[in-house]
Amino acid sequence: MKQKAREGNAINNLVGKVAGLSIKSSTDLFQDPAISLRGRKPLVVIDGVPDQTADIWKINSDDIESINVLKGSTASALYGSIGRNGAIMITTKRGGKQQLSVELNSSTMFQPSFIRIPEVQTTYGSGNNGKYAYVDGSGGGIEGAGWIWGPKLDQPSAGTPSGFWETPQYNSPVDPVTGVRQPLPWISRGKDNVENFFQTGLMSTNSLSVTSGGEKGSFRAAASHIYQKGIVPNTSLNNSSFSVAGNYSLSPKLKADARLSYNRQYTDNFPETGYGPTNYLYNLVLWTGADVDVRDLRNYWAEGREGEQQRHYNQSWYNNPYFQAYEFQRGYYKDNTFGSVTFDYELSPSFSAIYRTGVNLYGLTRSTKEPKSYVGYSNKSRGNYDVSNQHYFDIVSDLIVQYERDLGKDFALKVQAGGSNNYQDLKSNHLATDGLTIPGFYNIGNSANPVQGSNSIENQKKNSVYGVVDLEAFGAFYLSVTGRNDWVSTLPVSNNSFFYPSVAGSLVVSDLVTMPSVISYLKLRSSWSRVSEGRMGVYPYSHIAAYENGVKWNGAPSLYYGSSNLNPDLKPETSDTWEAGIELNLMRNRLGFDLTYYQSRDYNNITNIPVSLTSGFAYRLENGNVYQRKGVELIARATPVQRNGLRWDITANASQYRRYLKEIFGGAEELNRLKVGDRTDKIFAWVYEKSPDGSIIYNSNGYPKSDPFSRFVGYDEPDWTYGVENAVSYKNVSLKFLFDGRLGGKIYSTTNQKMWWGGSHPGTVNHFRDEANNGEATFVGEGVIVTGGEVRYDGQGRVVEDTRQFAPNTKAVSYINYMINTSNGHNHNYHYYDETFLKLREVTLTYQLPASLLQKTPLQAASVSLVGRNLLLWSKLPNVDPDTGADNLQTPATRSMGINVDLKF
């Protein structure tokens, strides 16, 4: 698989290319994308061995031969319950039949600009209600508590030295005699704070491989290194990989294939994500006004208090972003070792045995260095250091006996029977200081108070037997029947064994009957499968009745049962799935379509049933609630041009996924506001009450009245997810470009909500704000007030009786107070925005050097490519990239551009 336009991990390169596979890539460095296959997270399989750690960073793109996505029953038949949700099959490269060959691939990509970045207003500065004057950095009083609702910037004043209105600020000079801070001009120094803080990102990828092959086998050794420089200062990621792989015929009947890889991911610091003080945009976009130039904050220690007190305009609520980047450091050091060995022995021309073992292990150390004076929600740190370690071991072994034979002229049979054993072990521990005796000395032994710590051990084992029967008839009909039984150590003993079958069939109609000349190929297919979950919950022991640690008394811990009464007869969650599809090629295979419809019934779902507290529990765990998943996937292929060396191929895909509630435990009417038949991605939000004609109802104080019930505001899942890939080639030049996106769906935007709330949104610049700064209450919310009557609701929030009379709202309030109270949410669907977007995801322009130019060089082949990713974005969502599927104050989305060189010796 030659991937020219690189991402930090190989899975991101599949975005927009596989129908039914949704990959929502994070804009933040070293964050896993949200991967969903038909609504569920799939298994990752490397060279036939499941990787249950799902570490998508440890495989280098240059080591990948191919990636296939298994969507139906095949994954569960091959890999058991862990393949219940499908699988992403990664096959790595081996050597070929050729003699010694050396390949060097180098790629350098820059992130020089943003495709979406928050746009903040620069008309008003820090403060509240139009007032600001720095006192001591506490944020209290006239410092405005950290809001960006302060005085207007760049206002002329004839009575000051600067010609602008002046006030004391955090960087004011201090009179050496009086100790009083001198006023400085209140001007917009920080109009470009976001752009000025972030730096140009870089990703450099270099790999070298050596392959050799002969009559009996082949060999490949490879080394690679990826360096990513984040757009946040002092953040980076290194990713190094080494691998050896080969296959060899040990005898005419015995073949061996093996691979061993080592990968190290390491960084001394990568950005914290999510809303809160650890997020850089929390300071830059939401709580730093344009009166502050972020470049002035590079000197982040208070003079004379280096190592103890950060220098910032607010020392109670927020962190200097440079102090945060260089002093609050999150380390990540992970060593992955994984490999597999397969022996294939031919007992007879029709009979063979295969033995395969795969090992996956890692050691992970994570650390956090929290400097003294670091602020987390008004809590000023005394300095802290914590370190956690994980050690994981996973081994899976399969023994498979295979029989394959032609049964006459028109029939063929293939039978497989096998057994599998899987063992997993995870050990972890965590240690943390309680304050640091010596600031800046990050060592557990430097804890000012007794060290805090914990440790845990998890292990589980699964044994399986399975069988597969494949039948081919007349070269056109194919039938596959599978059966598998698992025994899982962490399930209740009475239900730790379960059997699940599948059946799949296909018919190549065009090979059976004569079709019209326009039809080149026609295939019908269908399948059904049943598969159960091999564990209950994420934590393997979460549904086993056991005591938990309680409070300590004189050093002795107490024990208690949890809040849920655990049913010892719980059954594992189970899914029945069927699908049907048609594949049609037309016009000598120049035009093709592949359409699939699937439907799943998920039952035995484990649910918490409320019980009387007099029982000693709050809930009882039961098997209940039934869900249905269904969807459609369409792939279209076309070759519009194929003439005189010019070829243009188009591949488009589109998919839709839905999940419905079909049954509720005990026949209840409602489950979390959902009724039977409802889509489970319904979004309910706390909103303002409305009149029958849809007008917002206001209280007598001029502020909207809260609805006593949460209300439906949209659906989370998009209507369609799609991608369109074009490949154009002419002689030695090729061009590939990919568009993808989503249609419909809603995404909640924390960034936009907080910008309206805090006063940094451009929409807050208006005359109402000026009047509020002058102490005037002039803003009147559009809506009505209740002048008489009342309304009654039933338990579901439906209006039973409404005798209210209404009149227009005329109560004027402060615009600033109104925005702080409402975040202007009712004018923006309570900040659930349309997720629709279109992105130019990938562009690759490649020139393959002609063989005639390489004849007198040691090169066998060479190519140079200009590459780009995430180049353009069209969307309705302001300020953030909807590609992530969620916005909890995300890093600005960047475009990547660079060059790739591939040399083969």
Foldseek 3Di string as FASTA:
>chain_A
DDDAFDDQFDVVVCDFPDWQWAWQDFQFPPDGTDIARLRHDAWEAEQLHTDVVPPRNQDDPQFFPDKDWFQDCPQCQSPNQNRVRTYIYTYTDWFDAAAKWKKKKKWKKKFADFQFFFQWDQQFFFAALAFDAFDPQACDDRNHNLFRLYHTAPDADPPDPVRADWHHFLPFDADPPPRDGDTDHQHQQANPQQVVQFAMKMKIKIKMKIKGHHDFKIKMKMKMKIKIDGRHPQWIKIKIKIKIWMKGDPDPFKIKTKMKMKMKIWIFATADDFDFQSHLCNCRQFRGHSSDHLVVCLVFCDPPQPQAATRDRHLQGHGNSNCSNPQWGKIKIKMKMKMKMKMWGDPDPFKIKMKMKIKIKMKMKMKTWDFASRYTGRDTALTKMKMKMKIKIKMKMKIKMKGWDADPDFKIKIKIKMKMKMKMKMKMKMKMARHAPDTPDHDSVRHPDDIDMDMDMDMKMKMKIKMKMWMGGRNFKIKIKMKMWMAIDLAQPVARIDMKMKMKMKGWVVSPDPDPQFWDTKMKMKMKIKHFNNAADPGRNPQPWDWDWDDDDPNRTDTDTAQEAHDSPQHTKMKIKMKIKMWTAGDNNQKIKIKMKMKMKIWSRWDWDADDCVVVHGTYIGTWWMKMKIKMKMKMKHWPDDPDQKTKIKIKMKMAMWMFTAAGPPRDQDDPLDGHGDTPQFDWAWDFDADPVGFFEPDPQQATHTQPDTDTLAGAGFGMWMKMWMWIGGDQKIKIWMKTWTHWHWEAAPSLLSCLQSVTRPVNDDVLSVCSSVVDFADHDWGWYWPDWDWDAPPSRHTPDTPTDIDTTDNTGRPNVRSNVQSCCVVASNRTHTLTKMFRAKMKMKGKDDCVVCPPPPFPTKMKIKMKGRPHMDDPDHNAHSSSSYHSPGRRRTIMIIMMIMTMD
